[in-house]
């Protein structure tokens, strides 16, 4: 599963308003940046307590990136 679809699937599963989830992919010199946009009320659910959910999402991205030999980072906006 490509990284964008993975992030979108997980985010839509976590939030109360799945229609507000938007995932953009930006390519730059350092690699790929995935920008996750969610509704303001759902921000806490995506970040999690002490950042645990965001950390888990970033770990999943590192695993998929390592498999493909890429560099991927996640920004939650």
Protein backbone atom coordinates (compact mmCIF):
# COMPACT_ATOMS: atom_id res chain seq x y z
CA UNK A 1 0.00 0.00 0.00
CA UNK A 2 1.51 3.37 -0.96
CA UNK A 3 2.30 5.74 1.88
CA UNK A 4 -0.36 8.32 0.99
CA UNK A 5 -3.16 5.76 1.03
CA UNK A 6 -1.85 4.26 4.27
CA UNK A 7 -1.91 7.63 6.07
CA UNK A 8 -5.33 8.47 4.66
CA UNK A 9 -6.81 5.12 5.70
CA UNK A 10 -5.48 5.32 9.26
CA UNK A 11 -6.52 8.97 9.69
CA UNK A 12 -10.05 8.36 8.38
CA UNK A 13 -10.38 5.44 10.79
CA UNK A 14 -9.43 7.60 13.78
CA UNK A 15 -11.40 10.81 13.30
CA UNK A 16 -15.07 11.74 13.79
CA UNK A 17 -15.23 13.65 10.47
CA UNK A 18 -13.54 11.44 7.83
CA UNK A 19 -14.66 13.76 5.02
CA UNK A 20 -12.37 16.51 6.37
CA UNK A 21 -9.25 14.33 6.04
CA UNK A 22 -6.97 15.50 3.24
CA UNK A 23 -3.54 14.08 2.41
CA UNK A 24 -1.06 15.91 0.17
CA UNK A 25 2.30 14.62 -1.02
CA UNK A 26 5.13 17.13 -1.51
CA UNK A 27 8.44 16.08 -3.07
CA UNK A 28 11.52 18.09 -2.14
CA UNK A 29 15.31 17.66 -2.10
CA UNK A 30 15.25 15.82 1.25
CA UNK A 31 12.66 13.29 0.15
CA UNK A 32 8.89 13.09 0.34
CA UNK A 33 6.73 14.97 2.83
CA UNK A 34 3.20 13.78 3.49
CA UNK A 35 0.95 16.55 4.77
CA UNK A 36 -2.10 15.39 6.71
CA UNK A 37 -4.94 17.87 7.14
CA UNK A 38 -7.79 17.05 9.55
CA UNK A 39 -10.62 19.00 11.17
CA UNK A 40 -9.61 21.13 14.15
CA UNK A 41 -11.72 19.02 16.53
CA UNK A 42 -10.02 15.81 15.37
CA UNK A 43 -6.44 17.05 15.75
CA UNK A 44 -6.06 15.48 19.20
CA UNK A 45 -7.23 12.08 17.96
CA UNK A 46 -4.64 12.04 15.19
CA UNK A 47 -1.81 13.22 17.44
CA UNK A 48 -2.79 11.09 20.44
CA UNK A 49 -1.78 11.32 24.06
CA UNK A 50 1.83 12.53 24.23
CA UNK A 51 2.03 12.12 20.45
CA UNK A 52 1.68 8.35 20.53
CA UNK A 53 -0.58 8.04 17.47
CA UNK A 54 1.53 10.46 15.42
CA UNK A 55 4.65 8.56 16.44
CA UNK A 56 3.06 5.26 15.36
CA UNK A 57 2.07 6.75 11.98
CA UNK A 58 5.63 7.99 11.46
CA UNK A 59 6.98 4.54 12.32
CA UNK A 60 4.68 2.94 9.74
CA UNK A 61 5.89 5.43 7.15
CA UNK A 62 9.54 4.69 7.96
CA UNK A 63 8.92 0.99 7.42
CA UNK A 64 7.24 1.51 4.06
CA UNK A 65 9.91 4.03 3.03
CA UNK A 66 12.75 1.69 3.98
CA UNK A 67 11.17 -1.05 1.88
CA UNK A 68 11.09 1.29 -1.11
CA UNK A 69 14.44 2.95 -0.38
CA UNK A 70 12.92 6.41 0.08
CA UNK A 71 12.86 9.10 2.73
CA UNK A 72 9.35 10.01 3.94
CA UNK A 73 8.25 12.35 6.71
CA UNK A 74 4.79 13.22 8.05
CA UNK A 75 3.45 16.65 8.93
CA UNK A 76 0.09 16.95 10.67
CA UNK A 77 -1.54 20.27 9.84
